[in-house]
Amino acid sequence: MDHTRRDALVGSALALSVATAGCLDFAAGDGPQGPEGTPETLTCEDDGFVRLDQPFEASVTETIAETPETTVELSSEGTTETYGQSLRLVLRNTGDAPAATLGEAAYSLQRETGAGWLDVRGATTGEPVELPRNEASLDTSSAYSWDITLTETGIADAVDGVDLDVCPPLGPGTYRFVYWGLVDAPPIGAAFELVG
């Protein structure tokens, strides 16, 4: 039987596609295991789990927020995100003056429920925990950026120095990232649909 260079290339491409598909299946895991759609609330079977409170009362503005001195813009890659992939966001100071902030960790990652927007994170120690707040200045043409892996572990580990967990597990539905660390400005958010 004669084998040509073309046959060898086709065989190599087939082997590579099979190997890659196996890797993708492994990387994707089982997908989101939590409640689907818009649950009535988020409940956790761990009695020691204390959910993060919402640290803001003002309504969330989308895309652009005005401070007394400048303008800040939040951008994300899309409105649909896949479980296990990265949620990438950038908060830019697009104005002409520095923006006072409470640091990069001053954000919530919330899920829409019948009871309102609830943070998916909390502590398992039985005690409430607060995210770090560090007074900082976001200079003109500067940015904060986040690259959060959309898994329970990826979200829980995204804030350094704070022992967090996600409960219940993530499920397909509507979520939003809210940066509430702008001083004298409303919180700014980006909503997205999480799919399996």
N, C-alpha and C. Protein backbone atom coordinates (compact mmCIF):
# COMPACT_ATOMS: atom_id res chain seq x y z
N MET A 1 0.85 -1.18 0.00
CA MET A 1 0.00 0.00 0.00
C MET A 1 0.89 1.23 0.00
N ASP A 2 0.63 2.17 -0.91
CA ASP A 2 1.41 3.39 -1.02
C ASP A 2 0.85 4.46 -0.09
N HIS A 3 1.73 5.07 0.70
CA HIS A 3 1.33 6.18 1.56
C HIS A 3 1.97 7.45 1.04
N THR A 4 1.19 8.44 0.81
CA THR A 4 1.71 9.71 0.32
C THR A 4 1.90 10.68 1.47
N ARG A 5 2.55 11.78 1.19
CA ARG A 5 2.73 12.85 2.18
C ARG A 5 1.37 13.37 2.63
N ARG A 6 0.43 13.46 1.68
CA ARG A 6 -0.93 13.93 1.99
C ARG A 6 -1.60 13.00 3.01
N ASP A 7 -1.46 11.68 2.84
CA ASP A 7 -2.03 10.73 3.78
C ASP A 7 -1.46 10.93 5.18
N ALA A 8 -0.14 11.16 5.23
CA ALA A 8 0.51 11.38 6.53
C ALA A 8 -0.01 12.64 7.20
N LEU A 9 -0.18 13.71 6.42
CA LEU A 9 -0.69 14.97 6.99
C LEU A 9 -2.13 14.83 7.48
N VAL A 10 -2.95 14.14 6.70
CA VAL A 10 -4.34 13.93 7.11
C VAL A 10 -4.40 13.11 8.39
N GLY A 11 -3.58 12.07 8.47
CA GLY A 11 -3.54 11.25 9.68
C GLY A 11 -3.07 12.05 10.89
N SER A 12 -2.05 12.90 10.70
CA SER A 12 -1.56 13.74 11.80
C SER A 12 -2.61 14.73 12.26
N ALA A 13 -3.32 15.34 11.30
CA ALA A 13 -4.36 16.31 11.65
C ALA A 13 -5.49 15.63 12.42
N LEU A 14 -5.86 14.40 12.00
CA LEU A 14 -6.92 13.68 12.70
C LEU A 14 -6.49 13.35 14.13
N ALA A 15 -5.25 12.88 14.28
CA ALA A 15 -4.75 12.55 15.63
C ALA A 15 -4.71 13.79 16.51
N LEU A 16 -4.29 14.93 15.95
CA LEU A 16 -4.23 16.18 16.72
C LEU A 16 -5.63 16.63 17.13
N SER A 17 -6.61 16.52 16.22
CA SER A 17 -7.97 16.96 16.56
C SER A 17 -8.58 16.08 17.64
N VAL A 18 -8.32 14.77 17.60
CA VAL A 18 -8.83 13.87 18.63
C VAL A 18 -8.18 14.18 19.97
N ALA A 19 -6.86 14.41 19.96
CA ALA A 19 -6.15 14.73 21.21
C ALA A 19 -6.64 16.05 21.78
N THR A 20 -6.84 17.04 20.91
CA THR A 20 -7.30 18.34 21.38
C THR A 20 -8.72 18.26 21.94
N ALA A 21 -9.58 17.50 21.28
CA ALA A 21 -10.96 17.35 21.77
C ALA A 21 -10.95 16.74 23.15
N GLY A 22 -10.08 15.75 23.37
CA GLY A 22 -9.99 15.16 24.70
C GLY A 22 -9.56 16.16 25.74
N CYS A 23 -8.61 17.03 25.38
CA CYS A 23 -8.15 18.07 26.31
C CYS A 23 -9.27 19.05 26.62
N LEU A 24 -10.03 19.43 25.58
CA LEU A 24 -11.11 20.38 25.80
C LEU A 24 -12.17 19.78 26.71
N ASP A 25 -12.48 18.50 26.51
CA ASP A 25 -13.47 17.84 27.37
C ASP A 25 -12.98 17.83 28.81
N PHE A 26 -11.70 17.54 29.01
CA PHE A 26 -11.14 17.50 30.36
C PHE A 26 -11.16 18.89 30.98
N ALA A 27 -10.78 19.91 30.17
CA ALA A 27 -10.72 21.28 30.71
C ALA A 27 -12.11 21.78 31.08
N ALA A 28 -13.11 21.40 30.28
CA ALA A 28 -14.46 21.90 30.54
C ALA A 28 -15.07 21.25 31.78
N GLY A 29 -14.61 20.05 32.15
CA GLY A 29 -15.17 19.38 33.31
C GLY A 29 -16.62 19.01 33.08
N ASP A 30 -17.37 18.99 34.15
CA ASP A 30 -18.77 18.61 34.06
C ASP A 30 -19.69 19.79 33.79
N GLY A 31 -19.14 20.99 33.76
CA GLY A 31 -19.96 22.17 33.54
C GLY A 31 -20.58 22.65 34.84
N PRO A 32 -21.39 23.70 34.77
CA PRO A 32 -21.99 24.25 35.99
C PRO A 32 -22.98 23.28 36.62
N GLN A 33 -22.88 23.10 37.93
CA GLN A 33 -23.70 22.12 38.63
C GLN A 33 -24.79 22.76 39.50
N GLY A 34 -24.81 24.09 39.57
CA GLY A 34 -25.76 24.78 40.44
C GLY A 34 -27.12 24.97 39.80
N PRO A 35 -28.00 25.69 40.49
CA PRO A 35 -29.36 25.91 39.99
C PRO A 35 -29.36 26.68 38.67
N GLU A 36 -30.31 26.34 37.80
CA GLU A 36 -30.41 26.98 36.49
C GLU A 36 -31.39 28.14 36.52
N GLY A 37 -31.23 29.03 35.55
CA GLY A 37 -32.18 30.14 35.38
C GLY A 37 -32.04 31.18 36.47
N THR A 38 -33.19 31.60 37.01
CA THR A 38 -33.22 32.60 38.08
C THR A 38 -33.78 31.93 39.33
N PRO A 39 -32.89 31.43 40.21
CA PRO A 39 -33.40 30.77 41.42
C PRO A 39 -34.07 31.78 42.34
N GLU A 40 -34.93 31.30 43.23
CA GLU A 40 -35.61 32.20 44.17
C GLU A 40 -34.59 32.89 45.06
N THR A 41 -33.58 32.15 45.51
CA THR A 41 -32.48 32.71 46.30
C THR A 41 -31.29 31.77 46.14
N LEU A 42 -30.17 32.08 46.77
CA LEU A 42 -29.01 31.20 46.77
C LEU A 42 -28.90 30.57 48.14
N THR A 43 -29.03 29.27 48.21
CA THR A 43 -28.93 28.58 49.49
C THR A 43 -27.72 27.67 49.49
N CYS A 44 -27.10 27.57 50.68
CA CYS A 44 -25.89 26.77 50.83
C CYS A 44 -26.12 25.73 51.91
N GLU A 45 -25.73 24.49 51.64
CA GLU A 45 -25.91 23.41 52.61
C GLU A 45 -24.91 23.50 53.76
N ASP A 46 -23.84 24.24 53.58
CA ASP A 46 -22.83 24.41 54.63
C ASP A 46 -23.34 25.43 55.65
N ASP A 47 -23.62 24.98 56.87
CA ASP A 47 -24.16 25.88 57.90
C ASP A 47 -23.19 26.99 58.28
N GLY A 48 -21.90 26.79 58.05
CA GLY A 48 -20.91 27.80 58.40
C GLY A 48 -20.69 28.84 57.32
N PHE A 49 -21.41 28.72 56.19
CA PHE A 49 -21.22 29.65 55.08
C PHE A 49 -21.95 30.96 55.36
N VAL A 50 -21.22 32.07 55.30
CA VAL A 50 -21.80 33.40 55.47
C VAL A 50 -21.53 34.19 54.19
N ARG A 51 -22.59 34.50 53.46
CA ARG A 51 -22.48 35.18 52.17
C ARG A 51 -21.99 36.62 52.35
N LEU A 52 -21.19 37.08 51.39
CA LEU A 52 -20.75 38.48 51.41
C LEU A 52 -21.95 39.40 51.25
N ASP A 53 -22.00 40.43 52.07
CA ASP A 53 -23.06 41.44 51.95
C ASP A 53 -22.80 42.32 50.74
N GLN A 54 -23.85 42.94 50.25
CA GLN A 54 -23.70 43.93 49.18
C GLN A 54 -23.26 45.24 49.82
N PRO A 55 -22.05 45.72 49.52
CA PRO A 55 -21.52 46.90 50.21
C PRO A 55 -21.95 48.23 49.60
N PHE A 56 -22.97 48.22 48.79
CA PHE A 56 -23.44 49.46 48.17
C PHE A 56 -24.96 49.46 48.15
N GLU A 57 -25.54 50.66 48.16
CA GLU A 57 -27.00 50.79 48.11
C GLU A 57 -27.47 51.40 46.80
N ALA A 58 -26.62 52.19 46.16
CA ALA A 58 -27.01 52.87 44.92
C ALA A 58 -27.25 51.85 43.81
N SER A 59 -28.08 52.23 42.85
CA SER A 59 -28.29 51.35 41.71
C SER A 59 -27.02 51.32 40.87
N VAL A 60 -26.84 50.20 40.18
CA VAL A 60 -25.62 49.97 39.41
C VAL A 60 -25.77 50.59 38.03
N THR A 61 -24.78 51.39 37.66
CA THR A 61 -24.75 51.96 36.31
C THR A 61 -23.95 51.03 35.41
N GLU A 62 -24.28 51.02 34.14
CA GLU A 62 -23.57 50.15 33.21
C GLU A 62 -22.62 50.96 32.34
N THR A 63 -21.47 50.40 32.08
CA THR A 63 -20.46 50.88 31.15
C THR A 63 -19.71 52.13 31.59
N ILE A 64 -20.41 53.22 31.93
CA ILE A 64 -19.73 54.48 32.24
C ILE A 64 -20.24 55.05 33.55
N ALA A 65 -19.31 55.51 34.39
CA ALA A 65 -19.66 56.17 35.65
C ALA A 65 -18.93 57.51 35.73
N GLU A 66 -19.63 58.49 36.27
CA GLU A 66 -19.05 59.83 36.43
C GLU A 66 -18.71 60.06 37.89
N THR A 67 -17.46 60.44 38.15
CA THR A 67 -17.07 60.89 39.48
C THR A 67 -17.08 62.42 39.44
N PRO A 68 -16.92 63.11 40.57
CA PRO A 68 -16.89 64.57 40.52
C PRO A 68 -15.76 65.12 39.65
N GLU A 69 -14.68 64.34 39.48
CA GLU A 69 -13.52 64.84 38.75
C GLU A 69 -13.33 64.25 37.36
N THR A 70 -13.85 63.04 37.11
CA THR A 70 -13.47 62.34 35.88
C THR A 70 -14.53 61.35 35.45
N THR A 71 -14.26 60.62 34.39
CA THR A 71 -15.15 59.59 33.85
C THR A 71 -14.42 58.25 33.84
N VAL A 72 -15.13 57.20 34.24
CA VAL A 72 -14.55 55.87 34.30
C VAL A 72 -15.43 54.93 33.48
N GLU A 73 -14.78 54.03 32.74
CA GLU A 73 -15.52 53.11 31.86
C GLU A 73 -15.14 51.67 32.18
N LEU A 74 -16.15 50.81 32.27
CA LEU A 74 -15.95 49.37 32.49
C LEU A 74 -16.27 48.63 31.20
N SER A 75 -15.33 47.81 30.75
CA SER A 75 -15.58 47.03 29.53
C SER A 75 -15.34 45.56 29.80
N SER A 76 -16.09 44.73 29.09
CA SER A 76 -15.93 43.28 29.18
C SER A 76 -15.91 42.73 27.77
N GLU A 77 -15.46 41.48 27.64
CA GLU A 77 -15.32 40.89 26.30
C GLU A 77 -16.65 40.51 25.67
N GLY A 78 -17.64 40.17 26.47
CA GLY A 78 -18.90 39.75 25.89
C GLY A 78 -19.99 39.66 26.92
N THR A 79 -21.17 39.29 26.45
CA THR A 79 -22.32 39.18 27.34
C THR A 79 -22.70 37.73 27.61
N THR A 80 -21.99 36.80 26.98
CA THR A 80 -22.18 35.37 27.26
C THR A 80 -20.82 34.77 27.58
N GLU A 81 -20.73 34.11 28.72
CA GLU A 81 -19.46 33.51 29.16
C GLU A 81 -19.69 32.03 29.42
N THR A 82 -18.67 31.23 29.17
CA THR A 82 -18.75 29.78 29.34
C THR A 82 -18.10 29.36 30.65
N TYR A 83 -18.77 28.49 31.36
CA TYR A 83 -18.21 27.93 32.60
C TYR A 83 -16.82 27.38 32.33
N GLY A 84 -15.86 27.72 33.19
CA GLY A 84 -14.50 27.24 33.05
C GLY A 84 -13.60 28.18 32.27
N GLN A 85 -14.18 29.15 31.57
CA GLN A 85 -13.39 30.12 30.81
C GLN A 85 -13.13 31.35 31.69
N SER A 86 -12.39 32.32 31.14
CA SER A 86 -12.04 33.52 31.89
C SER A 86 -13.02 34.66 31.62
N LEU A 87 -13.39 35.34 32.69
CA LEU A 87 -14.15 36.58 32.59
C LEU A 87 -13.12 37.70 32.64
N ARG A 88 -13.01 38.45 31.55
CA ARG A 88 -12.01 39.50 31.46
C ARG A 88 -12.69 40.86 31.44
N LEU A 89 -12.30 41.71 32.38
CA LEU A 89 -12.88 43.04 32.50
C LEU A 89 -11.77 44.06 32.69
N VAL A 90 -12.03 45.28 32.22
CA VAL A 90 -11.08 46.38 32.39
C VAL A 90 -11.86 47.62 32.81
N LEU A 91 -11.38 48.28 33.87
CA LEU A 91 -11.94 49.54 34.35
C LEU A 91 -10.92 50.62 34.02
N ARG A 92 -11.28 51.54 33.11
CA ARG A 92 -10.35 52.57 32.64
C ARG A 92 -10.80 53.95 33.09
N ASN A 93 -9.83 54.76 33.46
CA ASN A 93 -10.07 56.17 33.70
C ASN A 93 -9.92 56.87 32.35
N THR A 94 -11.04 57.29 31.77
CA THR A 94 -11.01 57.91 30.44
C THR A 94 -11.08 59.42 30.51
N GLY A 95 -11.06 59.99 31.72
CA GLY A 95 -11.18 61.43 31.88
C GLY A 95 -9.84 62.14 32.02
N ASP A 96 -9.90 63.34 32.60
CA ASP A 96 -8.73 64.21 32.68
C ASP A 96 -8.16 64.36 34.08
N ALA A 97 -8.69 63.61 35.05
CA ALA A 97 -8.20 63.73 36.43
C ALA A 97 -8.19 62.35 37.07
N PRO A 98 -7.38 62.15 38.12
CA PRO A 98 -7.36 60.85 38.80
C PRO A 98 -8.72 60.54 39.44
N ALA A 99 -9.00 59.25 39.56
CA ALA A 99 -10.23 58.79 40.23
C ALA A 99 -9.84 58.13 41.54
N ALA A 100 -10.45 58.58 42.64
CA ALA A 100 -10.20 57.95 43.94
C ALA A 100 -10.96 56.63 44.00
N THR A 101 -10.26 55.57 44.44
CA THR A 101 -10.88 54.25 44.50
C THR A 101 -10.56 53.58 45.84
N LEU A 102 -11.18 52.42 46.04
CA LEU A 102 -10.92 51.59 47.22
C LEU A 102 -10.09 50.35 46.84
N GLY A 103 -9.40 50.40 45.71
CA GLY A 103 -8.54 49.30 45.29
C GLY A 103 -9.22 48.32 44.36
N GLU A 104 -8.43 47.38 43.84
CA GLU A 104 -8.92 46.43 42.84
C GLU A 104 -9.87 45.38 43.39
N ALA A 105 -9.79 45.08 44.67
CA ALA A 105 -10.63 44.01 45.25
C ALA A 105 -12.03 44.48 45.61
N ALA A 106 -12.34 45.75 45.38
CA ALA A 106 -13.64 46.31 45.77
C ALA A 106 -14.70 46.00 44.71
N TYR A 107 -14.99 44.72 44.55
CA TYR A 107 -16.00 44.32 43.57
C TYR A 107 -16.85 43.18 44.12
N SER A 108 -18.02 43.04 43.53
CA SER A 108 -18.93 41.94 43.83
C SER A 108 -19.12 41.11 42.57
N LEU A 109 -19.29 39.81 42.75
CA LEU A 109 -19.67 38.94 41.64
C LEU A 109 -21.01 38.33 42.04
N GLN A 110 -22.07 38.83 41.42
CA GLN A 110 -23.43 38.54 41.87
C GLN A 110 -24.21 37.70 40.86
N ARG A 111 -25.22 37.00 41.39
CA ARG A 111 -26.15 36.25 40.56
C ARG A 111 -27.55 36.83 40.76
N GLU A 112 -28.29 36.90 39.66
CA GLU A 112 -29.67 37.39 39.73
C GLU A 112 -30.55 36.29 40.31
N THR A 113 -31.33 36.64 41.34
CA THR A 113 -32.27 35.71 41.96
C THR A 113 -33.62 36.40 42.13
N GLY A 114 -34.62 35.63 42.53
CA GLY A 114 -35.92 36.21 42.82
C GLY A 114 -35.86 37.19 43.99
N ALA A 115 -34.87 37.03 44.86
CA ALA A 115 -34.70 37.91 46.02
C ALA A 115 -33.79 39.10 45.71
N GLY A 116 -33.37 39.23 44.45
CA GLY A 116 -32.46 40.31 44.06
C GLY A 116 -31.09 39.77 43.70
N TRP A 117 -30.14 40.66 43.53
CA TRP A 117 -28.78 40.28 43.19
C TRP A 117 -28.03 39.87 44.46
N LEU A 118 -27.42 38.67 44.46
CA LEU A 118 -26.69 38.17 45.62
C LEU A 118 -25.28 37.77 45.19
N ASP A 119 -24.30 38.12 46.04
CA ASP A 119 -22.93 37.71 45.76
C ASP A 119 -22.85 36.19 45.84
N VAL A 120 -22.09 35.59 44.94
CA VAL A 120 -21.96 34.13 44.94
C VAL A 120 -20.92 33.67 45.96
N ARG A 121 -20.16 34.63 46.52
CA ARG A 121 -19.05 34.29 47.41
C ARG A 121 -19.42 34.52 48.87
N GLY A 122 -18.66 33.83 49.73
CA GLY A 122 -18.81 34.00 51.17
C GLY A 122 -17.70 33.27 51.88
N ALA A 123 -17.76 33.29 53.21
CA ALA A 123 -16.76 32.61 54.04
C ALA A 123 -17.40 31.39 54.68
N THR A 124 -16.61 30.36 54.91
CA THR A 124 -17.12 29.12 55.52
C THR A 124 -16.76 29.03 57.00
N THR A 125 -16.31 30.13 57.58
CA THR A 125 -15.88 30.14 58.98
C THR A 125 -17.02 30.39 59.95
N GLY A 126 -18.20 30.70 59.44
CA GLY A 126 -19.33 31.04 60.30
C GLY A 126 -19.35 32.50 60.68
N GLU A 127 -18.34 33.25 60.25
CA GLU A 127 -18.25 34.68 60.55
C GLU A 127 -18.26 35.48 59.25
N PRO A 128 -18.87 36.67 59.27
CA PRO A 128 -18.82 37.50 58.06
C PRO A 128 -17.39 37.95 57.77
N VAL A 129 -17.09 38.13 56.51
CA VAL A 129 -15.76 38.59 56.09
C VAL A 129 -15.94 39.80 55.18
N GLU A 130 -14.97 40.70 55.22
CA GLU A 130 -15.01 41.87 54.35
C GLU A 130 -13.86 41.81 53.37
N LEU A 131 -14.10 42.31 52.18
CA LEU A 131 -13.05 42.38 51.18
C LEU A 131 -12.10 43.53 51.52
N PRO A 132 -10.83 43.41 51.14
CA PRO A 132 -9.89 44.49 51.45
C PRO A 132 -10.27 45.78 50.74
N ARG A 133 -10.10 46.88 51.44
CA ARG A 133 -10.34 48.21 50.87
C ARG A 133 -9.07 49.02 51.06
N ASN A 134 -8.42 49.33 49.97
CA ASN A 134 -7.18 50.09 50.00
C ASN A 134 -7.37 51.37 49.22
N GLU A 135 -7.28 52.51 49.91
CA GLU A 135 -7.43 53.78 49.20
C GLU A 135 -6.34 53.90 48.15
N ALA A 136 -6.77 54.18 46.92
CA ALA A 136 -5.84 54.26 45.80
C ALA A 136 -6.33 55.31 44.82
N SER A 137 -5.51 55.60 43.85
CA SER A 137 -5.86 56.56 42.82
C SER A 137 -5.69 55.89 41.46
N LEU A 138 -6.74 55.93 40.67
CA LEU A 138 -6.68 55.42 39.30
C LEU A 138 -6.40 56.61 38.40
N ASP A 139 -5.15 56.73 37.98
CA ASP A 139 -4.73 57.90 37.21
C ASP A 139 -5.35 57.91 35.82
N THR A 140 -5.27 59.06 35.17
CA THR A 140 -5.79 59.17 33.81
C THR A 140 -5.05 58.20 32.90
N SER A 141 -5.78 57.62 31.99
CA SER A 141 -5.25 56.62 31.05
C SER A 141 -4.72 55.37 31.75
N SER A 142 -5.10 55.16 33.02
CA SER A 142 -4.72 53.94 33.74
C SER A 142 -5.94 53.04 33.86
N ALA A 143 -5.70 51.80 34.31
CA ALA A 143 -6.80 50.84 34.36
C ALA A 143 -6.57 49.80 35.44
N TYR A 144 -7.68 49.25 35.94
CA TYR A 144 -7.67 48.01 36.71
C TYR A 144 -8.15 46.93 35.74
N SER A 145 -7.56 45.75 35.84
CA SER A 145 -8.04 44.66 34.99
C SER A 145 -8.18 43.39 35.82
N TRP A 146 -9.19 42.60 35.46
CA TRP A 146 -9.48 41.34 36.14
C TRP A 146 -9.55 40.24 35.10
N ASP A 147 -9.06 39.07 35.46
CA ASP A 147 -9.13 37.88 34.64
C ASP A 147 -9.54 36.75 35.58
N ILE A 148 -10.84 36.52 35.71
CA ILE A 148 -11.39 35.61 36.71
C ILE A 148 -11.88 34.34 36.02
N THR A 149 -11.32 33.20 36.43
CA THR A 149 -11.76 31.92 35.87
C THR A 149 -13.15 31.61 36.43
N LEU A 150 -14.08 31.33 35.53
CA LEU A 150 -15.47 31.12 35.94
C LEU A 150 -15.71 29.68 36.38
N THR A 151 -15.07 29.35 37.51
CA THR A 151 -15.33 28.12 38.24
C THR A 151 -15.44 28.53 39.70
N GLU A 152 -15.93 27.64 40.53
CA GLU A 152 -16.06 27.95 41.95
C GLU A 152 -14.70 28.30 42.55
N THR A 153 -13.69 27.51 42.26
CA THR A 153 -12.35 27.75 42.80
C THR A 153 -11.74 29.02 42.22
N GLY A 154 -11.89 29.23 40.92
CA GLY A 154 -11.34 30.42 40.28
C GLY A 154 -11.90 31.70 40.85
N ILE A 155 -13.19 31.73 41.13
CA ILE A 155 -13.83 32.92 41.70
C ILE A 155 -13.41 33.09 43.16
N ALA A 156 -13.37 31.99 43.91
CA ALA A 156 -13.02 32.07 45.34
C ALA A 156 -11.58 32.52 45.53
N ASP A 157 -10.69 32.13 44.63
CA ASP A 157 -9.27 32.44 44.78
C ASP A 157 -8.85 33.76 44.14
N ALA A 158 -9.79 34.49 43.55
CA ALA A 158 -9.44 35.69 42.79
C ALA A 158 -9.01 36.86 43.67
N VAL A 159 -9.37 36.86 44.95
CA VAL A 159 -8.97 37.95 45.86
C VAL A 159 -7.89 37.41 46.79
N ASP A 160 -6.70 37.97 46.69
CA ASP A 160 -5.58 37.52 47.52
C ASP A 160 -5.81 37.87 48.99
N GLY A 161 -5.41 36.94 49.85
CA GLY A 161 -5.43 37.19 51.28
C GLY A 161 -6.78 37.04 51.96
N VAL A 162 -7.80 36.62 51.22
CA VAL A 162 -9.13 36.43 51.80
C VAL A 162 -9.58 35.00 51.49
N ASP A 163 -9.98 34.27 52.53
CA ASP A 163 -10.42 32.88 52.37
C ASP A 163 -11.91 32.87 52.03
N LEU A 164 -12.22 32.68 50.75
CA LEU A 164 -13.60 32.71 50.27
C LEU A 164 -13.98 31.37 49.67
N ASP A 165 -15.28 31.17 49.54
CA ASP A 165 -15.81 29.99 48.87
C ASP A 165 -17.01 30.44 48.05
N VAL A 166 -17.45 29.60 47.12
CA VAL A 166 -18.65 29.86 46.32
C VAL A 166 -19.67 28.78 46.67
N CYS A 167 -20.87 29.22 47.07
CA CYS A 167 -21.91 28.27 47.46
C CYS A 167 -23.28 28.90 47.23
N PRO A 168 -24.21 28.20 46.60
CA PRO A 168 -24.09 26.90 45.97
C PRO A 168 -23.19 26.97 44.73
N PRO A 169 -22.94 25.83 44.08
CA PRO A 169 -22.13 25.88 42.85
C PRO A 169 -22.78 26.78 41.81
N LEU A 170 -21.96 27.27 40.90
CA LEU A 170 -22.47 28.10 39.81
C LEU A 170 -23.42 27.28 38.95
N GLY A 171 -24.42 27.96 38.42
CA GLY A 171 -25.35 27.32 37.50
C GLY A 171 -25.62 28.24 36.33
N PRO A 172 -26.14 27.73 35.24
CA PRO A 172 -26.45 28.59 34.10
C PRO A 172 -27.46 29.66 34.52
N GLY A 173 -27.17 30.90 34.18
CA GLY A 173 -28.07 32.00 34.55
C GLY A 173 -27.41 33.35 34.34
N THR A 174 -28.02 34.38 34.90
CA THR A 174 -27.54 35.76 34.73
C THR A 174 -26.70 36.17 35.94
N TYR A 175 -25.53 36.69 35.65
CA TYR A 175 -24.59 37.15 36.66
C TYR A 175 -24.17 38.58 36.32
N ARG A 176 -23.53 39.23 37.29
CA ARG A 176 -22.93 40.52 36.97
C ARG A 176 -21.71 40.76 37.85
N PHE A 177 -20.75 41.46 37.27
CA PHE A 177 -19.57 41.94 37.98
C PHE A 177 -19.85 43.40 38.31
N VAL A 178 -19.69 43.78 39.58
CA VAL A 178 -19.95 45.17 39.99
C VAL A 178 -18.72 45.70 40.71
N TYR A 179 -18.15 46.77 40.16
CA TYR A 179 -17.06 47.46 40.87
C TYR A 179 -17.70 48.59 41.67
N TRP A 180 -17.61 48.49 43.02
CA TRP A 180 -18.24 49.47 43.90
C TRP A 180 -17.19 50.35 44.60
N GLY A 181 -15.95 50.30 44.12
CA GLY A 181 -14.87 51.01 44.79
C GLY A 181 -14.59 52.42 44.29
N LEU A 182 -15.46 52.97 43.45
CA LEU A 182 -15.27 54.37 43.04
C LEU A 182 -15.77 55.29 44.14
N VAL A 183 -14.92 56.17 44.61
CA VAL A 183 -15.30 57.10 45.68
C VAL A 183 -16.15 58.21 45.07
N ASP A 184 -17.28 58.51 45.73
CA ASP A 184 -18.21 59.56 45.28
C ASP A 184 -18.75 59.31 43.88
N ALA A 185 -19.00 58.05 43.56
CA ALA A 185 -19.58 57.70 42.27
C ALA A 185 -20.40 56.43 42.45
N PRO A 186 -21.38 56.20 41.59
CA PRO A 186 -22.19 54.98 41.71
C PRO A 186 -21.38 53.76 41.33
N PRO A 187 -21.79 52.57 41.80
CA PRO A 187 -21.12 51.35 41.36
C PRO A 187 -21.35 51.14 39.86
N ILE A 188 -20.38 50.49 39.24
CA ILE A 188 -20.45 50.28 37.79
C ILE A 188 -20.38 48.78 37.53
N GLY A 189 -21.24 48.28 36.63
CA GLY A 189 -21.32 46.83 36.47
C GLY A 189 -21.43 46.37 35.03
N ALA A 190 -21.19 45.08 34.84
CA ALA A 190 -21.34 44.42 33.54
C ALA A 190 -22.02 43.08 33.78
N ALA A 191 -23.18 42.90 33.14
CA ALA A 191 -23.94 41.64 33.30
C ALA A 191 -23.55 40.67 32.19
N PHE A 192 -23.68 39.38 32.49
CA PHE A 192 -23.38 38.36 31.50
C PHE A 192 -24.19 37.10 31.81
N GLU A 193 -24.41 36.30 30.78
CA GLU A 193 -25.07 35.01 30.92
C GLU A 193 -24.00 33.94 31.02
N LEU A 194 -24.09 33.10 32.05
CA LEU A 194 -23.17 31.97 32.18
C LEU A 194 -23.82 30.74 31.56
N VAL A 195 -23.10 30.09 30.66
CA VAL A 195 -23.62 28.89 30.01
C VAL A 195 -22.67 27.74 30.30
N GLY A 196 -23.15 26.49 30.08
CA GLY A 196 -22.35 25.31 30.37
C GLY A 196 -21.28 25.05 29.33
